[in-house]
């Protein structure tokens, strides 16, 4: 998910005179006060005293995570976007990482690079949900994981991660004469395609067949493409409306098909999963982790 400034979280926060450090209110900057901001609890937590720092706090997922954290009583150390502080007083990634026990990044590749550098410098665990990453970003993630615990995932919902396990098992059981196609649909504002979750499902299918996804991925069919090559994994991306995320994996054999999928009806499922994973990650040693580790899959 890409960070998008200019919404209800765009007000900065300051402490009120005579209040405890965890009580905050938005600074008056012409934007409407956020109800969440008035209710947010900073630097104290009913859950393991773990303070989360949100990078990409004004994006769809950033807002959902902040709302879910408040609902669960999880402390928010602060939240930033490209403009600076959105929740709390920490205006950049280094200061936010210093204040947080774990970072949650749902921003952009550019902001993620700053977050990774800050996580390494402060030895702060980081959960990465940002998609649309390139090879250089993945190298930076691998480097950071030598020093801090890093959990990278394209989807934090329980259902999607169970789906990925089912896809891997089905791909392993079925031969390459069963064609695999992955269809995904998201809201009109999503900027990357195929979605990170579609690629996650593709990786699962490729793992089931024992091949690298890069060798069998087909995502650019147009014009006279010729017959479908056996063993390839196809992707189709749809964009429109306010769809939170629909994914379907089709195993097409001769005379029969298997179709399994997942539909996200509420973005809160991703926020709940992200917080669960962040709390789990907070005390882990340095290394690479996946949602399957959190869920025991």
C-alpha atoms as a PDB file:
ATOM      1  CA  UNK A   1       0.000   0.000   0.000  1.00  0.00           C
ATOM      2  CA  UNK A   2       1.302   3.438  -0.907  1.00  0.00           C
ATOM      3  CA  UNK A   3       1.404   6.273   1.621  1.00  0.00           C
ATOM      4  CA  UNK A   4      -1.007   9.077   0.665  1.00  0.00           C
ATOM      5  CA  UNK A   5      -0.787  12.421   2.496  1.00  0.00           C
ATOM      6  CA  UNK A   6      -3.584  14.864   2.944  1.00  0.00           C
ATOM      7  CA  UNK A   7      -6.238  13.112   5.013  1.00  0.00           C
ATOM      8  CA  UNK A   8      -7.567  12.961   8.551  1.00  0.00           C
ATOM      9  CA  UNK A   9      -4.156  12.110  10.033  1.00  0.00           C
ATOM     10  CA  UNK A  10      -2.341  15.035   8.485  1.00  0.00           C
ATOM     11  CA  UNK A  11      -2.445  17.093  11.703  1.00  0.00           C
ATOM     12  CA  UNK A  12       0.624  16.947  13.914  1.00  0.00           C
ATOM     13  CA  UNK A  13       0.303  16.254  17.613  1.00  0.00           C
ATOM     14  CA  UNK A  14       1.421  18.064  20.722  1.00  0.00           C
ATOM     15  CA  UNK A  15       1.126  17.453  24.445  1.00  0.00           C
ATOM     16  CA  UNK A  16      -1.411  19.375  26.464  1.00  0.00           C
ATOM     17  CA  UNK A  17      -0.210  21.343  29.457  1.00  0.00           C
ATOM     18  CA  UNK A  18      -0.706  19.523  32.705  1.00  0.00           C
ATOM     19  CA  UNK A  19      -1.328  16.135  31.119  1.00  0.00           C
ATOM     20  CA  UNK A  20       0.599  12.896  31.122  1.00  0.00           C
ATOM     21  CA  UNK A  21       3.061  12.269  28.262  1.00  0.00           C
ATOM     22  CA  UNK A  22       0.709   9.760  26.655  1.00  0.00           C
ATOM     23  CA  UNK A  23      -2.144  12.243  26.196  1.00  0.00           C
ATOM     24  CA  UNK A  24      -2.017  14.114  22.893  1.00  0.00           C
ATOM     25  CA  UNK A  25      -4.049  16.305  20.631  1.00  0.00           C
ATOM     26  CA  UNK A  26      -3.586  17.449  17.038  1.00  0.00           C
ATOM     27  CA  UNK A  27      -1.949  20.788  16.397  1.00  0.00           C
ATOM     28  CA  UNK A  28      -4.233  23.320  14.793  1.00  0.00           C
ATOM     29  CA  UNK A  29      -3.143  23.361  11.156  1.00  0.00           C
ATOM     30  CA  UNK A  30      -6.440  23.794   9.318  1.00  0.00           C
ATOM     31  CA  UNK A  31      -7.293  20.096   9.224  1.00  0.00           C
ATOM     32  CA  UNK A  32     -10.173  18.526  11.065  1.00  0.00           C
ATOM     33  CA  UNK A  33      -9.184  16.807  14.291  1.00  0.00           C
ATOM     34  CA  UNK A  34      -8.962  13.058  14.087  1.00  0.00           C
ATOM     35  CA  UNK A  35     -11.130  11.206  16.578  1.00  0.00           C
ATOM     36  CA  UNK A  36      -8.512   8.455  16.598  1.00  0.00           C
ATOM     37  CA  UNK A  37      -5.790  10.942  17.492  1.00  0.00           C
ATOM     38  CA  UNK A  38      -7.785  12.184  20.480  1.00  0.00           C
ATOM     39  CA  UNK A  39      -8.215   8.603  21.700  1.00  0.00           C
ATOM     40  CA  UNK A  40      -4.757   7.278  20.905  1.00  0.00           C
ATOM     41  CA  UNK A  41      -2.567   6.162  23.802  1.00  0.00           C
ATOM     42  CA  UNK A  42       1.135   6.739  23.344  1.00  0.00           C
ATOM     43  CA  UNK A  43       3.980   5.051  25.170  1.00  0.00           C
ATOM     44  CA  UNK A  44       1.786   2.876  27.399  1.00  0.00           C
ATOM     45  CA  UNK A  45       0.278  -0.475  26.514  1.00  0.00           C
ATOM     46  CA  UNK A  46      -2.040  -3.031  28.007  1.00  0.00           C
ATOM     47  CA  UNK A  47      -0.412  -5.605  25.713  1.00  0.00           C
ATOM     48  CA  UNK A  48       3.122  -6.572  26.627  1.00  0.00           C
ATOM     49  CA  UNK A  49       4.262  -2.925  26.821  1.00  0.00           C
ATOM     50  CA  UNK A  50       5.174  -3.102  23.130  1.00  0.00           C
ATOM     51  CA  UNK A  51       5.085   0.257  21.363  1.00  0.00           C
ATOM     52  CA  UNK A  52       4.522   0.197  17.621  1.00  0.00           C
ATOM     53  CA  UNK A  53       5.788   2.823  15.193  1.00  0.00           C
ATOM     54  CA  UNK A  54       3.833   3.197  11.956  1.00  0.00           C
ATOM     55  CA  UNK A  55       5.609   4.205   8.752  1.00  0.00           C
ATOM     56  CA  UNK A  56       3.026   5.269   6.186  1.00  0.00           C
ATOM     57  CA  UNK A  57       0.542   6.386   8.815  1.00  0.00           C
ATOM     58  CA  UNK A  58      -1.767   8.197   6.379  1.00  0.00           C
ATOM     59  CA  UNK A  59      -2.123   5.349   3.905  1.00  0.00           C
ATOM     60  CA  UNK A  60      -5.136   3.051   3.963  1.00  0.00           C
ATOM     61  CA  UNK A  61      -3.287   0.368   5.902  1.00  0.00           C
ATOM     62  CA  UNK A  62      -1.535   2.850   8.172  1.00  0.00           C
ATOM     63  CA  UNK A  63      -4.852   4.323   9.258  1.00  0.00           C
ATOM     64  CA  UNK A  64      -6.395   0.880   9.728  1.00  0.00           C
ATOM     65  CA  UNK A  65      -3.457  -0.253  11.876  1.00  0.00           C
ATOM     66  CA  UNK A  66      -3.654   2.855  14.068  1.00  0.00           C
ATOM     67  CA  UNK A  67      -7.389   2.358  14.569  1.00  0.00           C
ATOM     68  CA  UNK A  68      -6.941  -1.325  15.399  1.00  0.00           C
ATOM     69  CA  UNK A  69      -4.099  -0.559  17.810  1.00  0.00           C
ATOM     70  CA  UNK A  70      -6.335   1.861  19.696  1.00  0.00           C
ATOM     71  CA  UNK A  71      -9.138  -0.707  19.762  1.00  0.00           C
ATOM     72  CA  UNK A  72      -6.806  -3.371  21.168  1.00  0.00           C
ATOM     73  CA  UNK A  73      -5.035  -1.104  23.650  1.00  0.00           C
ATOM     74  CA  UNK A  74      -1.681  -1.414  21.889  1.00  0.00           C
ATOM     75  CA  UNK A  75       0.627   1.573  22.387  1.00  0.00           C
ATOM     76  CA  UNK A  76       1.476   3.730  19.390  1.00  0.00           C
ATOM     77  CA  UNK A  77       4.932   5.260  19.756  1.00  0.00           C
ATOM     78  CA  UNK A  78       4.194   7.459  16.763  1.00  0.00           C
ATOM     79  CA  UNK A  79       3.420   7.506  13.073  1.00  0.00           C
ATOM     80  CA  UNK A  80       5.023   9.244  10.101  1.00  0.00           C
ATOM     81  CA  UNK A  81       4.449   9.814   6.416  1.00  0.00           C
ATOM     82  CA  UNK A  82       6.500  11.636   3.798  1.00  0.00           C
ATOM     83  CA  UNK A  83       5.605  14.983   5.348  1.00  0.00           C
ATOM     84  CA  UNK A  84       6.832  14.031   8.832  1.00  0.00           C
ATOM     85  CA  UNK A  85       5.045  13.356  12.132  1.00  0.00           C
ATOM     86  CA  UNK A  86       1.394  12.341  11.919  1.00  0.00           C
ATOM     87  CA  UNK A  87       0.930  10.589  15.273  1.00  0.00           C
ATOM     88  CA  UNK A  88       3.102  11.789  18.132  1.00  0.00           C
ATOM     89  CA  UNK A  89       6.161  13.993  17.903  1.00  0.00           C
ATOM     90  CA  UNK A  90       8.680  11.809  16.082  1.00  0.00           C
ATOM     91  CA  UNK A  91       9.091  13.428  12.685  1.00  0.00           C
ATOM     92  CA  UNK A  92      11.350  10.976  10.875  1.00  0.00           C
ATOM     93  CA  UNK A  93      12.213   7.301  10.696  1.00  0.00           C
ATOM     94  CA  UNK A  94      15.325   7.419  12.938  1.00  0.00           C
ATOM     95  CA  UNK A  95      13.540   9.122  15.857  1.00  0.00           C
ATOM     96  CA  UNK A  96      10.469   6.917  15.446  1.00  0.00           C
ATOM     97  CA  UNK A  97      12.615   3.776  15.430  1.00  0.00           C
ATOM     98  CA  UNK A  98      14.358   4.961  18.586  1.00  0.00           C
ATOM     99  CA  UNK A  99      11.021   5.378  20.372  1.00  0.00           C
ATOM    100  CA  UNK A 100       9.314   2.210  19.122  1.00  0.00           C
ATOM    101  CA  UNK A 101       9.786  -1.427  20.089  1.00  0.00           C
ATOM    102  CA  UNK A 102       8.758  -2.561  16.617  1.00  0.00           C
ATOM    103  CA  UNK A 103       8.143  -0.744  13.332  1.00  0.00           C
ATOM    104  CA  UNK A 104       5.297  -1.493  10.919  1.00  0.00           C
ATOM    105  CA  UNK A 105       5.907  -0.250   7.383  1.00  0.00           C
ATOM    106  CA  UNK A 106       3.060   0.068   4.887  1.00  0.00           C
ATOM    107  CA  UNK A 107       4.385   2.996   2.887  1.00  0.00           C
ATOM    108  CA  UNK A 108       6.326   3.168  -0.370  1.00  0.00           C
ATOM    109  CA  UNK A 109       9.640   1.727  -1.560  1.00  0.00           C
ATOM    110  CA  UNK A 110      11.290   5.113  -0.960  1.00  0.00           C
ATOM    111  CA  UNK A 111      10.064   5.398   2.636  1.00  0.00           C
ATOM    112  CA  UNK A 112      10.836   1.748   3.303  1.00  0.00           C
ATOM    113  CA  UNK A 113      14.504   2.360   2.543  1.00  0.00           C
ATOM    114  CA  UNK A 114      14.577   5.029   5.236  1.00  0.00           C
ATOM    115  CA  UNK A 115      12.760   2.733   7.624  1.00  0.00           C
ATOM    116  CA  UNK A 116      15.188  -0.126   7.043  1.00  0.00           C
ATOM    117  CA  UNK A 117      18.182   2.115   7.678  1.00  0.00           C
ATOM    118  CA  UNK A 118      16.608   3.408  10.895  1.00  0.00           C
ATOM    119  CA  UNK A 119      15.697  -0.115  12.044  1.00  0.00           C
ATOM    120  CA  UNK A 120      19.282  -1.260  11.533  1.00  0.00           C
ATOM    121  CA  UNK A 121      20.767   1.746  13.291  1.00  0.00           C
ATOM    122  CA  UNK A 122      18.549   1.289  16.355  1.00  0.00           C
ATOM    123  CA  UNK A 123      18.235  -2.523  16.211  1.00  0.00           C
ATOM    124  CA  UNK A 124      14.446  -2.179  16.050  1.00  0.00           C
ATOM    125  CA  UNK A 125      12.407  -5.088  14.621  1.00  0.00           C
ATOM    126  CA  UNK A 126      10.462  -4.184  11.484  1.00  0.00           C
ATOM    127  CA  UNK A 127       7.391  -5.672   9.821  1.00  0.00           C
ATOM    128  CA  UNK A 128       7.237  -4.855   6.102  1.00  0.00           C
ATOM    129  CA  UNK A 129       3.933  -4.893   4.260  1.00  0.00           C
ATOM    130  CA  UNK A 130       4.934  -2.445   1.522  1.00  0.00           C
ATOM    131  CA  UNK A 131       4.556  -3.856  -1.988  1.00  0.00           C
ATOM    132  CA  UNK A 132       5.857  -2.839  -5.412  1.00  0.00           C
ATOM    133  CA  UNK A 133       9.459  -3.489  -4.343  1.00  0.00           C
ATOM    134  CA  UNK A 134      12.343  -3.967  -6.747  1.00  0.00           C
ATOM    135  CA  UNK A 135      15.459  -6.181  -6.608  1.00  0.00           C
ATOM    136  CA  UNK A 136      17.484  -3.484  -4.811  1.00  0.00           C
ATOM    137  CA  UNK A 137      14.804  -3.212  -2.106  1.00  0.00           C
ATOM    138  CA  UNK A 138      14.909  -6.954  -1.515  1.00  0.00           C
ATOM    139  CA  UNK A 139      18.689  -6.781  -1.168  1.00  0.00           C
ATOM    140  CA  UNK A 140      18.336  -4.065   1.467  1.00  0.00           C
ATOM    141  CA  UNK A 141      15.795  -6.183   3.341  1.00  0.00           C
ATOM    142  CA  UNK A 142      18.140  -9.178   3.308  1.00  0.00           C
ATOM    143  CA  UNK A 143      20.987  -7.006   4.590  1.00  0.00           C
ATOM    144  CA  UNK A 144      18.846  -5.544   7.388  1.00  0.00           C
ATOM    145  CA  UNK A 145      17.804  -9.030   8.503  1.00  0.00           C
ATOM    146  CA  UNK A 146      21.408  -9.756   9.468  1.00  0.00           C
ATOM    147  CA  UNK A 147      21.079  -7.197  12.263  1.00  0.00           C
ATOM    148  CA  UNK A 148      17.375  -7.087  13.187  1.00  0.00           C
ATOM    149  CA  UNK A 149      14.296  -9.313  12.986  1.00  0.00           C
ATOM    150  CA  UNK A 150      12.471  -8.604   9.714  1.00  0.00           C
ATOM    151  CA  UNK A 151       9.069  -9.957   8.779  1.00  0.00           C
ATOM    152  CA  UNK A 152       8.184  -9.280   5.162  1.00  0.00           C
ATOM    153  CA  UNK A 153       4.783 -10.232   3.829  1.00  0.00           C
ATOM    154  CA  UNK A 154       2.487  -9.199   1.018  1.00  0.00           C
ATOM    155  CA  UNK A 155      -0.579  -9.964   3.117  1.00  0.00           C
ATOM    156  CA  UNK A 156      -1.153 -10.148   6.872  1.00  0.00           C
ATOM    157  CA  UNK A 157      -4.544 -11.884   6.870  1.00  0.00           C
ATOM    158  CA  UNK A 158      -4.897 -15.379   8.289  1.00  0.00           C
ATOM    159  CA  UNK A 159      -7.112 -16.456   5.388  1.00  0.00           C
ATOM    160  CA  UNK A 160      -4.662 -15.470   2.656  1.00  0.00           C
ATOM    161  CA  UNK A 161      -1.769 -17.233   4.346  1.00  0.00           C
ATOM    162  CA  UNK A 162      -3.819 -20.409   4.727  1.00  0.00           C
ATOM    163  CA  UNK A 163      -4.769 -20.032   1.049  1.00  0.00           C
ATOM    164  CA  UNK A 164      -1.090 -19.831   0.105  1.00  0.00           C
ATOM    165  CA  UNK A 165      -0.422 -23.100   1.921  1.00  0.00           C
ATOM    166  CA  UNK A 166      -3.343 -24.762   0.096  1.00  0.00           C
ATOM    167  CA  UNK A 167      -2.073 -23.463  -3.249  1.00  0.00           C
ATOM    168  CA  UNK A 168       1.376 -24.897  -2.591  1.00  0.00           C
ATOM    169  CA  UNK A 169      -0.095 -28.284  -1.696  1.00  0.00           C
ATOM    170  CA  UNK A 170      -2.357 -28.328  -4.758  1.00  0.00           C
ATOM    171  CA  UNK A 171       0.477 -27.364  -7.091  1.00  0.00           C
ATOM    172  CA  UNK A 172       2.618 -30.132  -5.648  1.00  0.00           C
ATOM    173  CA  UNK A 173      -0.140 -32.720  -6.074  1.00  0.00           C
ATOM    174  CA  UNK A 174      -1.122 -31.748  -9.632  1.00  0.00           C
ATOM    175  CA  UNK A 175       1.086 -32.099 -12.692  1.00  0.00           C
ATOM    176  CA  UNK A 176       2.202 -29.338 -15.046  1.00  0.00           C
ATOM    177  CA  UNK A 177      -0.648 -30.314 -17.385  1.00  0.00           C
ATOM    178  CA  UNK A 178      -2.827 -28.406 -14.903  1.00  0.00           C
ATOM    179  CA  UNK A 179      -2.493 -24.739 -15.880  1.00  0.00           C
ATOM    180  CA  UNK A 180      -2.256 -22.243 -13.021  1.00  0.00           C
ATOM    181  CA  UNK A 181      -3.791 -18.777 -13.367  1.00  0.00           C
ATOM    182  CA  UNK A 182      -3.993 -16.148 -10.619  1.00  0.00           C
ATOM    183  CA  UNK A 183      -6.587 -13.379 -10.866  1.00  0.00           C
ATOM    184  CA  UNK A 184      -6.616 -10.410  -8.497  1.00  0.00           C
ATOM    185  CA  UNK A 185      -8.718  -7.264  -8.143  1.00  0.00           C
ATOM    186  CA  UNK A 186      -8.101  -4.157  -6.057  1.00  0.00           C
ATOM    187  CA  UNK A 187      -9.391  -0.609  -5.649  1.00  0.00           C
ATOM    188  CA  UNK A 188      -8.757   1.965  -8.349  1.00  0.00           C
ATOM    189  CA  UNK A 189      -5.976   3.689  -6.362  1.00  0.00           C
ATOM    190  CA  UNK A 190      -3.581   0.725  -6.176  1.00  0.00           C
ATOM    191  CA  UNK A 191      -0.477   1.536  -8.190  1.00  0.00           C
ATOM    192  CA  UNK A 192       1.361  -1.789  -8.504  1.00  0.00           C
ATOM    193  CA  UNK A 193       0.395  -4.919 -10.421  1.00  0.00           C
ATOM    194  CA  UNK A 194       0.267  -7.830  -9.998  1.00  0.00           C
ATOM    195  CA  UNK A 195      -0.533  -7.309  -6.345  1.00  0.00           C
ATOM    196  CA  UNK A 196       1.928  -8.420  -3.717  1.00  0.00           C
ATOM    197  CA  UNK A 197      -0.571 -11.032  -2.569  1.00  0.00           C
ATOM    198  CA  UNK A 198      -0.937 -12.405  -6.093  1.00  0.00           C
ATOM    199  CA  UNK A 199       2.840 -12.749  -6.257  1.00  0.00           C
ATOM    200  CA  UNK A 200       2.822 -14.423  -2.835  1.00  0.00           C
ATOM    201  CA  UNK A 201       0.328 -16.981  -4.188  1.00  0.00           C
ATOM    202  CA  UNK A 202       2.435 -17.386  -7.295  1.00  0.00           C
ATOM    203  CA  UNK A 203       5.492 -18.065  -5.157  1.00  0.00           C
ATOM    204  CA  UNK A 204       3.498 -20.689  -3.272  1.00  0.00           C
ATOM    205  CA  UNK A 205       2.438 -22.385  -6.509  1.00  0.00           C
ATOM    206  CA  UNK A 206       5.978 -22.298  -7.883  1.00  0.00           C
ATOM    207  CA  UNK A 207       7.344 -23.715  -4.618  1.00  0.00           C
ATOM    208  CA  UNK A 208       4.854 -26.572  -4.892  1.00  0.00           C
ATOM    209  CA  UNK A 209       6.257 -27.369  -8.318  1.00  0.00           C
ATOM    210  CA  UNK A 210       9.851 -26.885  -7.231  1.00  0.00           C
ATOM    211  CA  UNK A 211      10.666 -24.053  -9.650  1.00  0.00           C
ATOM    212  CA  UNK A 212      11.523 -20.360  -9.228  1.00  0.00           C
ATOM    213  CA  UNK A 213       8.543 -18.138  -9.970  1.00  0.00           C
ATOM    214  CA  UNK A 214      10.697 -15.867 -12.146  1.00  0.00           C
ATOM    215  CA  UNK A 215      11.182 -18.725 -14.601  1.00  0.00           C
ATOM    216  CA  UNK A 216       7.482 -19.478 -15.094  1.00  0.00           C
ATOM    217  CA  UNK A 217       5.698 -16.162 -14.435  1.00  0.00           C
ATOM    218  CA  UNK A 218       3.569 -14.687 -17.240  1.00  0.00           C
ATOM    219  CA  UNK A 219       1.957 -11.323 -16.488  1.00  0.00           C
ATOM    220  CA  UNK A 220       1.940  -9.434 -19.768  1.00  0.00           C
ATOM    221  CA  UNK A 221      -0.322 -11.214 -22.231  1.00  0.00           C
ATOM    222  CA  UNK A 222      -1.492  -8.962 -25.064  1.00  0.00           C
ATOM    223  CA  UNK A 223      -1.978  -9.425 -28.782  1.00  0.00           C
ATOM    224  CA  UNK A 224      -0.995 -12.648 -30.553  1.00  0.00           C
ATOM    225  CA  UNK A 225       0.801 -14.414 -27.733  1.00  0.00           C
ATOM    226  CA  UNK A 226       0.635 -17.921 -29.125  1.00  0.00           C
ATOM    227  CA  UNK A 227      -0.428 -21.039 -27.247  1.00  0.00           C
ATOM    228  CA  UNK A 228       0.042 -21.204 -23.497  1.00  0.00           C
ATOM    229  CA  UNK A 229       3.370 -22.772 -22.514  1.00  0.00           C
ATOM    230  CA  UNK A 230       3.042 -25.769 -20.207  1.00  0.00           C
ATOM    231  CA  UNK A 231       4.145 -25.154 -16.639  1.00  0.00           C
ATOM    232  CA  UNK A 232       3.751 -21.388 -16.712  1.00  0.00           C
ATOM    233  CA  UNK A 233       1.876 -19.444 -14.022  1.00  0.00           C
ATOM    234  CA  UNK A 234      -0.278 -16.649 -15.376  1.00  0.00           C
ATOM    235  CA  UNK A 235      -1.390 -13.426 -13.676  1.00  0.00           C
ATOM    236  CA  UNK A 236      -4.297 -11.113 -14.423  1.00  0.00           C
ATOM    237  CA  UNK A 237      -4.869  -7.815 -12.585  1.00  0.00           C
ATOM    238  CA  UNK A 238      -8.154  -5.916 -12.345  1.00  0.00           C
ATOM    239  CA  UNK A 239      -8.577  -2.426 -10.874  1.00  0.00           C
ATOM    240  CA  UNK A 240     -11.748  -0.575  -9.937  1.00  0.00           C
ATOM    241  CA  UNK A 241     -14.009   0.775  -7.240  1.00  0.00           C
ATOM    242  CA  UNK A 242     -13.112   0.290  -3.596  1.00  0.00           C
ATOM    243  CA  UNK A 243     -12.228  -3.421  -3.608  1.00  0.00           C
ATOM    244  CA  UNK A 244     -10.003  -4.198  -0.615  1.00  0.00           C
ATOM    245  CA  UNK A 245      -8.593  -7.326  -2.247  1.00  0.00           C
ATOM    246  CA  UNK A 246      -9.941 -10.325  -4.183  1.00  0.00           C
ATOM    247  CA  UNK A 247      -7.667 -13.212  -5.179  1.00  0.00           C
ATOM    248  CA  UNK A 248      -8.510 -16.402  -7.048  1.00  0.00           C
ATOM    249  CA  UNK A 249      -6.170 -19.226  -8.026  1.00  0.00           C
ATOM    250  CA  UNK A 250      -7.364 -21.430 -10.865  1.00  0.00           C
ATOM    251  CA  UNK A 251      -5.968 -24.888 -11.579  1.00  0.00           C
ATOM    252  CA  UNK A 252      -7.289 -25.720 -15.042  1.00  0.00           C
ATOM    253  CA  UNK A 253      -7.008 -29.315 -16.203  1.00  0.00           C
ATOM    254  CA  UNK A 254      -8.512 -31.046 -19.202  1.00  0.00           C
ATOM    255  CA  UNK A 255     -12.226 -31.323 -18.543  1.00  0.00           C
ATOM    256  CA  UNK A 256     -12.085 -29.993 -14.976  1.00  0.00           C
ATOM    257  CA  UNK A 257     -11.018 -26.996 -12.885  1.00  0.00           C
ATOM    258  CA  UNK A 258     -10.169 -26.310  -9.269  1.00  0.00           C
ATOM    259  CA  UNK A 259     -10.736 -22.736  -8.074  1.00  0.00           C
ATOM    260  CA  UNK A 260      -9.748 -21.503  -4.632  1.00  0.00           C
ATOM    261  CA  UNK A 261      -9.712 -17.928  -3.479  1.00  0.00           C
ATOM    262  CA  UNK A 262     -10.027 -15.253  -0.842  1.00  0.00           C
ATOM    263  CA  UNK A 263     -12.068 -12.061  -0.644  1.00  0.00           C
ATOM    264  CA  UNK A 264     -11.241  -9.333   1.818  1.00  0.00           C
ATOM    265  CA  UNK A 265     -14.441  -7.623   2.946  1.00  0.00           C
ATOM    266  CA  UNK A 266     -12.855  -5.318   5.509  1.00  0.00           C
ATOM    267  CA  UNK A 267      -9.337  -3.886   5.626  1.00  0.00           C
ATOM    268  CA  UNK A 268      -9.417  -4.450   9.393  1.00  0.00           C
ATOM    269  CA  UNK A 269      -8.451  -8.100   8.827  1.00  0.00           C
ATOM    270  CA  UNK A 270      -5.069  -6.953   7.531  1.00  0.00           C
ATOM    271  CA  UNK A 271      -4.609  -4.501  10.398  1.00  0.00           C
ATOM    272  CA  UNK A 272      -5.375  -7.175  13.001  1.00  0.00           C
ATOM    273  CA  UNK A 273      -2.911  -9.526  11.370  1.00  0.00           C
ATOM    274  CA  UNK A 274      -0.231  -6.846  11.178  1.00  0.00           C
ATOM    275  CA  UNK A 275      -0.521  -6.029  14.873  1.00  0.00           C
ATOM    276  CA  UNK A 276      -0.508  -9.711  15.830  1.00  0.00           C
ATOM    277  CA  UNK A 277       2.627 -10.232  13.744  1.00  0.00           C
ATOM    278  CA  UNK A 278       4.349  -7.102  15.082  1.00  0.00           C
ATOM    279  CA  UNK A 279       3.776  -8.125  18.710  1.00  0.00           C
ATOM    280  CA  UNK A 280       5.100 -11.595  17.875  1.00  0.00           C
ATOM    281  CA  UNK A 281       8.170 -10.153  16.130  1.00  0.00           C
ATOM    282  CA  UNK A 282       9.128  -7.705  18.877  1.00  0.00           C
ATOM    283  CA  UNK A 283      11.251 -10.143  20.909  1.00  0.00           C
ATOM    284  CA  UNK A 284      12.615 -12.351  18.125  1.00  0.00           C
ATOM    285  CA  UNK A 285      16.312 -12.562  17.201  1.00  0.00           C
ATOM    286  CA  UNK A 286      17.653 -11.074  13.971  1.00  0.00           C
ATOM    287  CA  UNK A 287      16.622 -12.901  10.820  1.00  0.00           C
ATOM    288  CA  UNK A 288      13.953 -13.237   8.130  1.00  0.00           C
ATOM    289  CA  UNK A 289      10.422 -14.241   9.119  1.00  0.00           C
ATOM    290  CA  UNK A 290       7.113 -14.826   7.340  1.00  0.00           C
ATOM    291  CA  UNK A 291       3.461 -14.796   8.388  1.00  0.00           C
ATOM    292  CA  UNK A 292       3.579 -18.577   8.347  1.00  0.00           C
ATOM    293  CA  UNK A 293       6.004 -18.399  11.285  1.00  0.00           C
ATOM    294  CA  UNK A 294       3.556 -16.231  13.222  1.00  0.00           C
ATOM    295  CA  UNK A 295       0.605 -18.488  12.455  1.00  0.00           C
ATOM    296  CA  UNK A 296       2.450 -21.776  12.841  1.00  0.00           C
ATOM    297  CA  UNK A 297       1.763 -22.840   9.237  1.00  0.00           C
END
